[in-house]
Amino acid sequence: MNNDLPHTALVTGASRGLGLALAHRLASVGWNLIIDARGESALEAARAGLSEQTRVTAIPGDVTDEKHRRKLAGAAHEAGGLDALVNNASVLGPSPQPSLLDYPLDVLEEVYLTNTISPLAVIQAVRDELNPGARIINITSDAAVEPYEGWGGYGSSKAALEQLSNILAAENPDLRVYHVDPGDMRTQMHQEAFPDEDISDRPLPEESVPGLMRLLNGDLPSGRYQARNLIEPDSSPKELRELRVALTIDDFDGAAAFYRDELGLTVVKEWSESQGRGLILEAGPATIELVDHSQAAYIDEIEAGERISGPVRLAFEVPDIGAAADALQNRGAKALGGSVETPWGDLNRRLRTAEGLQITLYQSQDSNADGKEMA
């Protein structure tokens, strides 16, 4: 998948439980969503909450209905294709669960139709809308591999879904097809499976979502996964791997030349698509300097003689501040002051780009006590 463009996911059964938890996580990181569920009022409530974060298309209906599946495919086409399909919609069957010798066969057919046949039917319906690199996640269960008494209907339907997923992946090596066990969860379906038990000790569905996100964003091969085993120890925000500053500019080519050619930043990735153009530049090690208004005014006074900066200012350490400043001015930057020696021992110079962004160039001479230069 192109990780620099908006993604679209179709999540079935997204009005509650794991489907809703995953939809909220996808929305929070900018994915557009197509969601469905059989309960129209619950789906509308989910749509209303999700639409505060992203674009959402909600289509009430049953995945066993061919007309409904055609509507899902139409929405996927209008969205420009799918980057992910999550077959989450499932039914448990009778509650409490009967033994297989007593299982009503007409109900078993309904369970298989929803849990096994419909996921494949949805995949077939949207096959032409799957973008390159799209992921397919079929939600399964440990009941697919463990012989739990009373789970013969649901468990065998999920076992069939797992083998279906295996064969689909073998027949389509260009697709990533995952069948994922999310683990025990505190959901309505789980309560229905154990109607007389207190399930408040089960994990919330949100605890399985990071594993699903790793499959959607990563490069793992097709296969069976347990969602909570995919959660990496370093997935905490404390272990951020990159700081990226995104700038929206009017003169793309001029700005590209400014940062790439004059500041000498190395191009990591460049794209030109119908949705727009973009450029990612390597800017060396990154730090975030947080200052209060008083400190910001103090730095402005040193570098420019007056209070001029806004909430964002970029700072670049350069080996020759004079040469770097001249090159940037030749590309349209305006000097907001000359080179000044700061109280912390650096040589600083403030400029403003053609887009109005303020830049500090600094030539480090001595480090402060913590080994970090202030800019």
Protein backbone atom coordinates (compact mmCIF):
# COMPACT_ATOMS: atom_id res chain seq x y z
CA MET A 1 0.00 0.00 0.00
CA ASN A 2 1.03 3.62 -0.56
CA ASN A 3 1.32 4.78 3.03
CA ASP A 4 1.34 8.44 2.03
CA LEU A 5 -2.19 8.53 0.58
CA PRO A 6 -5.55 8.24 2.38
CA HIS A 7 -6.67 4.62 2.81
CA THR A 8 -10.17 3.18 2.65
CA ALA A 9 -11.34 0.15 4.61
CA LEU A 10 -14.56 -1.85 4.47
CA VAL A 11 -15.37 -3.28 7.91
CA THR A 12 -18.42 -5.52 8.23
CA GLY A 13 -20.25 -5.86 11.53
CA ALA A 14 -18.93 -2.48 12.65
CA SER A 15 -21.74 -1.26 14.88
CA ARG A 16 -20.28 -2.77 18.06
CA GLY A 17 -17.54 -4.98 19.50
CA LEU A 18 -14.33 -5.57 17.61
CA GLY A 19 -15.62 -4.08 14.36
CA LEU A 20 -16.45 -0.77 16.00
CA ALA A 21 -13.20 -0.70 18.00
CA LEU A 22 -11.16 -1.27 14.82
CA ALA A 23 -13.18 1.35 12.93
CA HIS A 24 -12.44 3.94 15.61
CA ARG A 25 -8.72 3.15 15.46
CA LEU A 26 -8.67 3.39 11.66
CA ALA A 27 -10.56 6.68 11.77
CA SER A 28 -8.12 8.10 14.31
CA VAL A 29 -5.22 7.62 11.89
CA GLY A 30 -6.99 9.00 8.83
CA TRP A 31 -8.54 5.99 7.10
CA ASN A 32 -11.83 6.52 5.26
CA LEU A 33 -14.43 3.92 6.15
CA ILE A 34 -17.26 1.89 4.69
CA ILE A 35 -19.13 0.10 7.48
CA ASP A 36 -22.15 -2.15 7.69
CA ALA A 37 -24.28 -3.97 10.26
CA ARG A 38 -27.73 -5.47 10.45
CA GLY A 39 -28.98 -3.08 13.15
CA GLU A 40 -29.71 0.24 11.45
CA SER A 41 -29.97 2.38 14.60
CA ALA A 42 -26.74 1.01 16.10
CA LEU A 43 -24.96 1.48 12.78
CA GLU A 44 -26.13 5.08 12.55
CA ALA A 45 -24.83 5.74 16.07
CA ALA A 46 -21.48 4.27 15.05
CA ARG A 47 -21.42 6.38 11.89
CA ALA A 48 -22.17 9.57 13.80
CA GLY A 49 -19.28 8.99 16.18
CA LEU A 50 -16.80 7.97 13.51
CA SER A 51 -17.70 10.84 11.19
CA GLU A 52 -16.25 13.28 13.70
CA GLN A 53 -12.83 11.92 12.70
CA THR A 54 -13.08 10.81 9.08
CA ARG A 55 -15.31 10.22 6.07
CA VAL A 56 -17.73 7.34 6.72
CA THR A 57 -20.22 5.55 4.51
CA ALA A 58 -22.65 3.41 6.53
CA ILE A 59 -24.76 0.82 4.72
CA PRO A 60 -27.22 -1.14 6.89
CA GLY A 61 -27.88 -4.68 5.78
CA ASP A 62 -26.96 -8.34 6.05
CA VAL A 63 -23.83 -9.74 4.39
CA THR A 64 -25.83 -12.83 3.43
CA ASP A 65 -27.92 -10.63 1.09
CA GLU A 66 -26.55 -10.33 -2.45
CA LYS A 67 -28.19 -6.91 -2.98
CA HIS A 68 -26.49 -5.63 0.15
CA ARG A 69 -23.12 -6.92 -1.03
CA ARG A 70 -23.61 -5.10 -4.34
CA LYS A 71 -24.20 -1.89 -2.38
CA LEU A 72 -20.93 -2.44 -0.50
CA ALA A 73 -19.10 -2.95 -3.80
CA GLY A 74 -20.67 0.23 -5.20
CA ALA A 75 -19.54 2.24 -2.19
CA ALA A 76 -16.04 0.82 -2.56
CA HIS A 77 -15.98 1.87 -6.22
CA GLU A 78 -17.14 5.41 -5.37
CA ALA A 79 -14.42 5.61 -2.71
CA GLY A 80 -11.70 4.85 -5.25
CA GLY A 81 -11.15 1.26 -4.18
CA LEU A 82 -10.31 -0.57 -0.98
CA ASP A 83 -7.02 -0.86 0.83
CA ALA A 84 -8.48 -3.22 3.41
CA LEU A 85 -11.45 -5.54 3.76
CA VAL A 86 -12.21 -6.82 7.24
CA ASN A 87 -14.79 -9.62 7.32
CA ASN A 88 -15.88 -9.24 10.92
CA ALA A 89 -19.64 -9.89 10.74
CA SER A 90 -20.52 -13.20 12.44
CA VAL A 91 -23.36 -14.97 14.22
CA LEU A 92 -23.00 -17.28 17.20
CA GLY A 93 -26.01 -19.50 16.63
CA PRO A 94 -28.27 -20.68 19.47
CA SER A 95 -27.64 -19.44 22.99
CA PRO A 96 -26.79 -21.42 24.99
CA GLN A 97 -24.90 -23.48 22.43
CA PRO A 98 -26.29 -27.01 21.86
CA SER A 99 -24.19 -30.12 21.31
CA LEU A 100 -23.72 -31.18 17.71
CA LEU A 101 -26.07 -34.19 18.10
CA ASP A 102 -28.83 -31.77 19.04
CA TYR A 103 -27.87 -28.91 16.74
CA PRO A 104 -30.77 -27.76 14.49
CA LEU A 105 -29.47 -28.25 10.96
CA ASP A 106 -31.41 -25.33 9.51
CA VAL A 107 -29.74 -23.05 12.08
CA LEU A 108 -26.35 -24.59 11.29
CA GLU A 109 -26.89 -23.66 7.64
CA GLU A 110 -27.52 -20.05 8.69
CA VAL A 111 -24.34 -20.02 10.79
CA TYR A 112 -22.27 -21.33 7.89
CA LEU A 113 -23.94 -18.91 5.48
CA THR A 114 -22.98 -15.92 7.64
CA ASN A 115 -19.61 -17.02 9.01
CA THR A 116 -18.13 -18.93 6.07
CA ILE A 117 -19.89 -18.33 2.77
CA SER A 118 -20.64 -14.62 3.17
CA PRO A 119 -17.00 -13.55 3.80
CA LEU A 120 -16.08 -15.18 0.49
CA ALA A 121 -19.13 -13.64 -1.16
CA VAL A 122 -18.06 -10.17 0.03
CA ILE A 123 -14.54 -10.75 -1.29
CA GLN A 124 -15.97 -11.81 -4.65
CA ALA A 125 -18.23 -8.74 -4.73
CA VAL A 126 -15.39 -6.26 -4.17
CA ARG A 127 -12.58 -8.14 -5.95
CA ASP A 128 -12.37 -5.50 -8.70
CA GLU A 129 -12.21 -2.71 -6.10
CA LEU A 130 -9.18 -4.04 -4.21
CA ASN A 131 -6.27 -1.64 -4.64
CA PRO A 132 -2.72 -2.99 -5.13
CA GLY A 133 -1.40 -4.19 -1.80
CA ALA A 134 -4.87 -4.42 -0.24
CA ARG A 135 -5.23 -6.58 2.87
CA ILE A 136 -8.07 -9.00 3.57
CA ILE A 137 -8.66 -9.92 7.20
CA ASN A 138 -11.13 -12.68 8.03
CA ILE A 139 -11.93 -12.66 11.74
CA THR A 140 -11.89 -16.18 13.17
CA SER A 141 -11.62 -17.71 16.66
CA ASP A 142 -9.66 -20.15 18.77
CA ALA A 143 -12.84 -22.24 18.56
CA ALA A 144 -11.76 -22.96 14.98
CA VAL A 145 -8.83 -25.04 16.21
CA GLU A 146 -9.83 -26.13 19.74
CA PRO A 147 -12.55 -28.80 20.34
CA TYR A 148 -14.66 -26.82 22.83
CA GLU A 149 -17.81 -28.64 23.89
CA GLY A 150 -20.90 -26.78 22.77
CA TRP A 151 -19.04 -24.79 20.11
CA GLY A 152 -19.47 -27.24 17.24
CA GLY A 153 -21.57 -24.95 15.06
CA TYR A 154 -19.69 -21.69 15.46
CA GLY A 155 -16.25 -23.32 15.74
CA SER A 156 -16.63 -25.50 12.66
CA SER A 157 -17.88 -22.52 10.62
CA LYS A 158 -14.75 -20.60 11.60
CA ALA A 159 -12.56 -23.63 10.86
CA ALA A 160 -14.04 -23.68 7.37
CA LEU A 161 -13.37 -19.94 7.05
CA GLU A 162 -9.72 -20.52 7.99
CA GLN A 163 -9.23 -23.16 5.32
CA LEU A 164 -11.07 -20.99 2.83
CA SER A 165 -8.61 -18.20 3.69
CA ASN A 166 -5.63 -20.53 3.25
CA ILE A 167 -6.73 -21.63 -0.20
CA LEU A 168 -7.67 -18.10 -1.26
CA ALA A 169 -4.15 -16.96 -0.35
CA ALA A 170 -2.56 -19.89 -2.22
CA GLU A 171 -4.62 -19.17 -5.32
CA ASN A 172 -3.94 -15.43 -5.19
CA PRO A 173 -0.33 -14.82 -4.14
CA ASP A 174 -0.67 -11.14 -5.01
CA LEU A 175 -3.17 -10.72 -2.16
CA ARG A 176 -2.50 -10.63 1.59
CA VAL A 177 -5.15 -12.82 3.18
CA TYR A 178 -5.11 -13.08 6.96
CA HIS A 179 -7.34 -15.15 9.24
CA VAL A 180 -7.04 -13.69 12.69
CA ASP A 181 -8.04 -14.95 16.13
CA PRO A 182 -8.72 -11.84 18.25
CA GLY A 183 -8.87 -13.83 21.50
CA ASP A 184 -11.53 -13.74 24.22
CA MET A 185 -13.24 -10.37 24.36
CA ARG A 186 -15.87 -8.64 26.45
CA THR A 187 -18.50 -8.46 23.70
CA GLN A 188 -22.20 -9.09 23.31
CA MET A 189 -21.51 -12.29 21.32
CA HIS A 190 -19.23 -13.62 24.04
CA GLN A 191 -21.88 -12.91 26.65
CA GLU A 192 -24.44 -14.75 24.53
CA ALA A 193 -22.08 -17.74 24.42
CA PHE A 194 -21.93 -17.75 28.23
CA PRO A 195 -25.33 -16.34 29.22
CA ASP A 196 -25.00 -17.24 32.89
CA GLU A 197 -21.41 -16.09 33.41
CA ASP A 198 -19.86 -12.81 34.44
CA ILE A 199 -17.46 -11.94 31.59
CA SER A 200 -16.32 -8.61 33.02
CA ASP A 201 -12.80 -10.05 33.40
CA ARG A 202 -12.45 -10.54 29.61
CA PRO A 203 -10.32 -7.99 27.73
CA LEU A 204 -12.09 -5.25 25.81
CA PRO A 205 -12.03 -5.53 22.00
CA GLU A 206 -9.68 -2.53 21.87
CA GLU A 207 -6.87 -4.74 23.19
CA SER A 208 -6.93 -6.81 19.99
CA VAL A 209 -6.91 -3.81 17.65
CA PRO A 210 -3.13 -3.08 17.66
CA GLY A 211 -2.47 -6.57 16.28
CA LEU A 212 -4.95 -5.99 13.46
CA MET A 213 -3.34 -2.64 12.71
CA ARG A 214 0.05 -4.31 12.40
CA LEU A 215 -1.36 -6.60 9.72
CA LEU A 216 -2.92 -3.68 7.89
CA ASN A 217 0.19 -1.51 8.00
CA GLY A 218 2.94 -4.13 7.94
CA ASP A 219 4.29 -6.61 5.45
CA LEU A 220 3.54 -9.96 7.09
CA PRO A 221 2.77 -12.90 4.78
CA SER A 222 -0.69 -14.37 4.41
CA GLY A 223 -1.63 -16.82 7.15
CA ARG A 224 -3.21 -17.37 10.55
CA TYR A 225 -2.38 -14.96 13.37
CA GLN A 226 -3.43 -14.33 16.95
CA ALA A 227 -4.02 -10.61 17.24
CA ARG A 228 -2.55 -10.12 20.71
CA ASN A 229 0.64 -11.99 19.80
CA LEU A 230 1.26 -9.37 17.09
CA ILE A 231 1.53 -6.51 19.56
CA GLU A 232 5.17 -5.54 19.67
CA PRO A 233 6.77 -4.38 22.93
CA ASP A 234 8.03 -1.26 21.16
CA SER A 235 4.61 -0.29 19.78
CA SER A 236 4.16 2.21 22.61
CA PRO A 237 4.28 5.91 21.69
CA LYS A 238 7.37 6.04 23.91
CA GLU A 239 9.20 4.26 21.08
CA LEU A 240 8.41 6.65 18.22
CA ARG A 241 10.78 5.95 15.35
CA GLU A 242 10.48 9.11 13.28
CA LEU A 243 9.39 12.71 13.51
CA ARG A 244 7.87 13.95 10.25
CA VAL A 245 6.88 17.60 9.74
CA ALA A 246 4.30 17.95 6.93
CA LEU A 247 4.26 21.28 5.10
CA THR A 248 1.46 22.31 2.75
CA ILE A 249 2.81 24.77 0.19
CA ASP A 250 1.57 26.67 -2.89
CA ASP A 251 4.70 26.49 -5.05
CA PHE A 252 5.57 22.80 -4.86
CA ASP A 253 8.49 22.89 -7.30
CA GLY A 254 9.98 25.99 -5.72
CA ALA A 255 9.72 24.56 -2.23
CA ALA A 256 11.18 21.24 -3.39
CA ALA A 257 14.19 23.04 -4.84
CA PHE A 258 14.50 25.16 -1.69
CA TYR A 259 14.73 22.24 0.72
CA ARG A 260 16.29 19.65 -1.58
CA ASP A 261 18.81 21.70 -3.51
CA GLU A 262 19.73 24.57 -1.23
CA LEU A 263 19.48 22.91 2.17
CA GLY A 264 20.81 19.70 0.65
CA LEU A 265 18.16 17.41 2.14
CA THR A 266 18.15 13.90 0.65
CA VAL A 267 15.00 12.72 -1.13
CA VAL A 268 13.55 9.62 0.58
CA LYS A 269 10.40 9.31 -1.50
CA GLU A 270 8.61 11.28 -4.19
CA TRP A 271 5.21 10.75 -5.81
CA SER A 272 2.90 12.39 -8.30
CA GLU A 273 -0.61 10.92 -8.36
CA SER A 274 -4.04 12.08 -9.42
CA GLN A 275 -4.65 12.97 -5.75
CA GLY A 276 -1.60 15.23 -5.65
CA ARG A 277 2.17 15.46 -5.33
CA GLY A 278 4.43 14.83 -2.41
CA LEU A 279 8.07 14.67 -1.39
CA ILE A 280 9.69 13.20 1.72
CA LEU A 281 13.12 14.52 2.61
CA GLU A 282 15.65 13.18 5.09
CA ALA A 283 16.42 16.01 7.50
CA GLY A 284 18.85 14.28 9.85
CA PRO A 285 18.18 13.50 13.51
CA ALA A 286 15.02 15.19 14.77
CA THR A 287 14.19 16.79 18.08
CA ILE A 288 11.16 18.71 19.31
CA GLU A 289 11.93 21.89 21.24
CA LEU A 290 9.04 23.01 23.44
CA VAL A 291 9.17 26.61 24.68
CA ASP A 292 6.69 28.86 26.45
CA HIS A 293 5.75 32.28 25.10
CA SER A 294 8.39 34.01 27.18
CA GLN A 295 11.17 31.80 25.84
CA ALA A 296 9.87 32.18 22.27
CA ALA A 297 9.93 35.97 22.66
CA TYR A 298 13.45 35.78 24.07
CA ILE A 299 14.70 33.75 21.09
CA ASP A 300 12.92 36.12 18.66
CA GLU A 301 14.59 39.10 20.29
CA ILE A 302 18.02 37.49 19.96
CA GLU A 303 17.61 36.38 16.35
CA ALA A 304 15.41 39.13 14.88
CA GLY A 305 15.17 41.95 17.40
CA GLU A 306 11.41 41.64 17.89
CA ARG A 307 8.57 39.18 18.54
CA ILE A 308 7.82 37.65 15.12
CA SER A 309 7.50 33.87 15.27
CA GLY A 310 4.31 31.84 15.14
CA PRO A 311 3.58 28.48 16.78
CA VAL A 312 5.87 26.55 14.38
CA ARG A 313 9.46 27.33 13.46
CA LEU A 314 11.92 24.95 11.81
CA ALA A 315 15.57 24.90 12.85
CA PHE A 316 18.40 23.34 10.83
CA GLU A 317 21.96 22.84 11.97
CA VAL A 318 24.36 23.69 9.11
CA PRO A 319 28.16 23.62 8.85
CA ASP A 320 28.44 27.09 7.26
CA ILE A 321 25.67 29.46 8.24
CA GLY A 322 26.68 32.22 5.81
CA ALA A 323 26.73 29.96 2.76
CA ALA A 324 23.47 28.26 3.75
CA ALA A 325 21.70 31.60 4.31
CA ASP A 326 22.90 32.97 0.95
CA ALA A 327 21.68 29.88 -0.87
CA LEU A 328 18.24 30.09 0.73
CA GLN A 329 17.91 33.78 -0.02
CA ASN A 330 18.74 33.07 -3.65
CA ARG A 331 15.72 30.74 -3.60
CA GLY A 332 13.37 33.42 -2.29
CA ALA A 333 13.84 33.32 1.47
CA LYS A 334 13.89 36.67 3.27
CA ALA A 335 16.44 37.40 5.98
CA LEU A 336 14.83 38.50 9.24
CA GLY A 337 18.15 39.43 10.79
CA GLY A 338 21.84 38.84 10.45
CA SER A 339 23.92 36.09 12.00
CA VAL A 340 24.05 36.47 15.78
CA GLU A 341 25.98 34.70 18.46
CA THR A 342 23.55 33.35 21.03
CA PRO A 343 24.00 33.25 24.81
CA TRP A 344 24.25 29.45 24.53
CA GLY A 345 27.20 29.64 22.15
CA ASP A 346 25.67 28.97 18.72
CA LEU A 347 25.65 31.17 15.65
CA ASN A 348 22.01 31.66 14.61
CA ARG A 349 20.24 33.34 11.71
CA ARG A 350 16.49 33.74 11.12
CA LEU A 351 14.85 33.62 7.68
CA ARG A 352 11.32 33.40 6.32
CA THR A 353 10.47 31.18 3.34
CA ALA A 354 8.28 32.24 0.43
CA GLU A 355 5.41 30.33 2.09
CA GLY A 356 5.80 32.34 5.27
CA LEU A 357 7.42 29.62 7.38
CA GLN A 358 10.15 30.84 9.71
CA ILE A 359 13.47 29.01 9.69
CA THR A 360 16.41 29.25 12.06
CA LEU A 361 19.79 28.24 10.70
CA TYR A 362 22.28 27.51 13.42
CA GLN A 363 25.97 26.71 13.38
CA SER A 364 26.84 24.90 16.56
CA GLN A 365 29.99 25.89 18.43
CA ASP A 366 29.51 24.56 21.96
CA SER A 367 26.81 22.31 23.42
CA ASN A 368 24.85 23.19 26.51
CA ALA A 369 25.13 21.19 29.68
CA ASP A 370 22.73 18.50 28.44
CA GLY A 371 24.55 18.00 25.18
CA LYS A 372 21.68 19.55 23.16
CA GLU A 373 21.91 22.81 21.26
CA MET A 374 19.03 25.28 21.63
CA ALA A 375 17.63 26.74 18.43
